Amino acid sequence: MTHDFDLLSRRFQGQSVSEWELLSHITPRRWTQMLWFPERREEEAVLDLCQELSSLAVQGEPNLRDTAAYGILRDHVRSSLRDPHPEADSLQFMIVRAAGHDGSEDPQCAFVSAVESLHC
């Protein structure tokens, strides 16, 4: 079975924590996208990184924060949150594995990051 991944994030400001928010998911397709769909490249890159990081987590990789996949996803989340939420000081992201269009399997948490600074 092929799985899809959703990337969620939440923000921290002092002692308050936001709800988890969906950052990326599979965009529904239109027929014209068979010919031209450049936005798909970013979506595919995020999905590949989610797959890589969740696979490393399952394998028990002890230094996940030092991997390229972790760093790139952390920076992607940072850039997605920094502008609309300048008051936040930290972030956390979560990868959720879903069965896509198959509703027989519930989504599962594949990975939760450490709390990271929103500002480099």
Protein backbone atom coordinates (compact mmCIF):
# COMPACT_ATOMS: atom_id res chain seq x y z
CA MET A 1 0.00 0.00 0.00
CA THR A 2 1.24 3.48 -0.86
CA HIS A 3 1.02 6.11 1.84
CA ASP A 4 0.70 9.86 1.70
CA PHE A 5 2.27 12.17 4.25
CA ASP A 6 0.93 15.37 5.76
CA LEU A 7 3.22 17.90 7.39
CA LEU A 8 1.76 19.75 10.37
CA SER A 9 3.25 22.43 12.59
CA ARG A 10 2.52 24.37 15.72
CA ARG A 11 3.94 27.58 17.15
CA PHE A 12 5.09 28.50 20.63
CA GLN A 13 4.98 31.99 22.08
CA GLY A 14 6.16 32.04 25.66
CA GLN A 15 3.98 29.51 27.50
CA SER A 16 1.20 29.39 24.88
CA VAL A 17 1.08 26.74 22.17
CA SER A 18 -1.01 26.88 19.00
CA GLU A 19 -3.05 24.00 17.64
CA TRP A 20 -1.44 21.73 15.03
CA GLU A 21 -1.93 23.25 11.56
CA LEU A 22 -1.66 21.47 8.23
CA LEU A 23 1.25 22.87 6.20
CA SER A 24 1.25 20.57 3.20
CA HIS A 25 -0.86 17.86 1.68
CA ILE A 26 -1.59 16.39 -1.73
CA THR A 27 -3.30 19.04 -3.82
CA PRO A 28 -6.32 17.88 -5.84
CA ARG A 29 -5.45 17.80 -9.55
CA ARG A 30 -7.09 19.53 -12.48
CA TRP A 31 -6.99 18.12 -16.01
CA THR A 32 -4.72 20.96 -17.22
CA GLN A 33 -2.03 19.84 -14.80
CA MET A 34 -1.32 16.83 -17.01
CA LEU A 35 0.43 19.34 -19.27
CA TRP A 36 1.89 21.88 -16.85
CA PHE A 37 2.16 21.77 -13.06
CA PRO A 38 5.40 23.36 -11.78
CA GLU A 39 4.02 23.73 -8.22
CA ARG A 40 4.12 19.94 -7.90
CA ARG A 41 7.92 20.00 -7.53
CA GLU A 42 7.83 21.57 -4.06
CA GLU A 43 5.03 19.24 -2.99
CA GLU A 44 7.01 16.20 -4.18
CA ALA A 45 10.15 17.41 -2.40
CA VAL A 46 8.29 17.79 0.91
CA LEU A 47 6.73 14.33 0.49
CA ASP A 48 10.16 12.80 -0.23
CA LEU A 49 11.63 14.45 2.86
CA CYS A 50 8.73 13.24 5.00
CA GLN A 51 9.24 9.70 3.69
CA GLU A 52 12.99 9.86 4.39
CA LEU A 53 12.63 11.22 7.91
CA SER A 54 9.86 8.81 8.90
CA SER A 55 11.91 5.87 7.53
CA LEU A 56 14.93 6.97 9.56
CA ALA A 57 12.75 7.29 12.68
CA VAL A 58 11.41 3.74 12.20
CA GLN A 59 14.98 2.45 11.80
CA GLY A 60 15.91 4.07 15.11
CA GLU A 61 18.37 6.62 13.74
CA PRO A 62 19.85 8.17 16.92
CA ASN A 63 20.77 11.57 15.44
CA LEU A 64 17.70 12.56 13.45
CA ARG A 65 18.26 16.27 14.12
CA ASP A 66 21.60 16.01 12.30
CA THR A 67 20.14 14.58 9.08
CA ALA A 68 19.63 16.60 5.92
CA ALA A 69 15.94 15.64 5.79
CA TYR A 70 15.33 17.03 9.29
CA GLY A 71 17.21 20.26 8.60
CA ILE A 72 15.46 20.92 5.31
CA LEU A 73 11.98 20.20 6.74
CA ARG A 74 12.72 22.37 9.81
CA ASP A 75 13.79 25.24 7.54
CA HIS A 76 10.74 24.73 5.31
CA VAL A 77 8.47 24.97 8.36
CA ARG A 78 10.40 28.02 9.60
CA SER A 79 9.93 29.84 6.31
CA SER A 80 6.24 28.90 6.23
CA LEU A 81 5.59 30.23 9.75
CA ARG A 82 7.95 33.17 10.19
CA ASP A 83 6.16 35.76 8.04
CA PRO A 84 2.52 35.20 9.06
CA HIS A 85 3.43 34.75 12.75
CA PRO A 86 6.26 37.15 13.71
CA GLU A 87 5.25 37.01 17.39
CA ALA A 88 6.06 33.28 17.73
CA ASP A 89 9.46 32.25 19.04
CA SER A 90 9.54 28.46 18.57
CA LEU A 91 8.04 25.77 16.37
CA GLN A 92 7.49 22.04 16.21
CA PHE A 93 6.53 19.90 13.23
CA MET A 94 4.88 16.52 12.87
CA ILE A 95 4.70 14.05 10.00
CA VAL A 96 1.46 12.11 9.73
CA ARG A 97 1.23 9.04 7.51
CA ALA A 98 -2.13 8.43 5.84
CA ALA A 99 -3.36 5.79 3.44
CA GLY A 100 -4.38 8.41 0.89
CA HIS A 101 -7.74 7.66 -0.69
CA ASP A 102 -8.08 4.38 1.22
CA GLY A 103 -10.30 5.21 4.18
CA SER A 104 -9.83 1.82 5.83
CA GLU A 105 -6.63 2.89 7.62
CA ASP A 106 -6.46 5.67 10.20
CA PRO A 107 -3.71 8.31 9.92
CA GLN A 108 -0.68 7.61 12.11
CA CYS A 109 1.91 9.91 13.60
CA ALA A 110 5.20 8.99 11.93
CA PHE A 111 7.46 11.60 13.54
CA VAL A 112 7.36 14.58 15.89
CA SER A 113 10.29 17.02 15.93
CA ALA A 114 11.94 18.64 18.87
CA VAL A 115 10.83 22.18 19.70
CA GLU A 116 13.02 24.41 17.51
CA SER A 117 13.69 28.13 17.45
CA LEU A 118 11.62 29.91 14.83
CA HIS A 119 14.50 32.31 14.23
CA CYS A 120 17.88 31.04 13.05
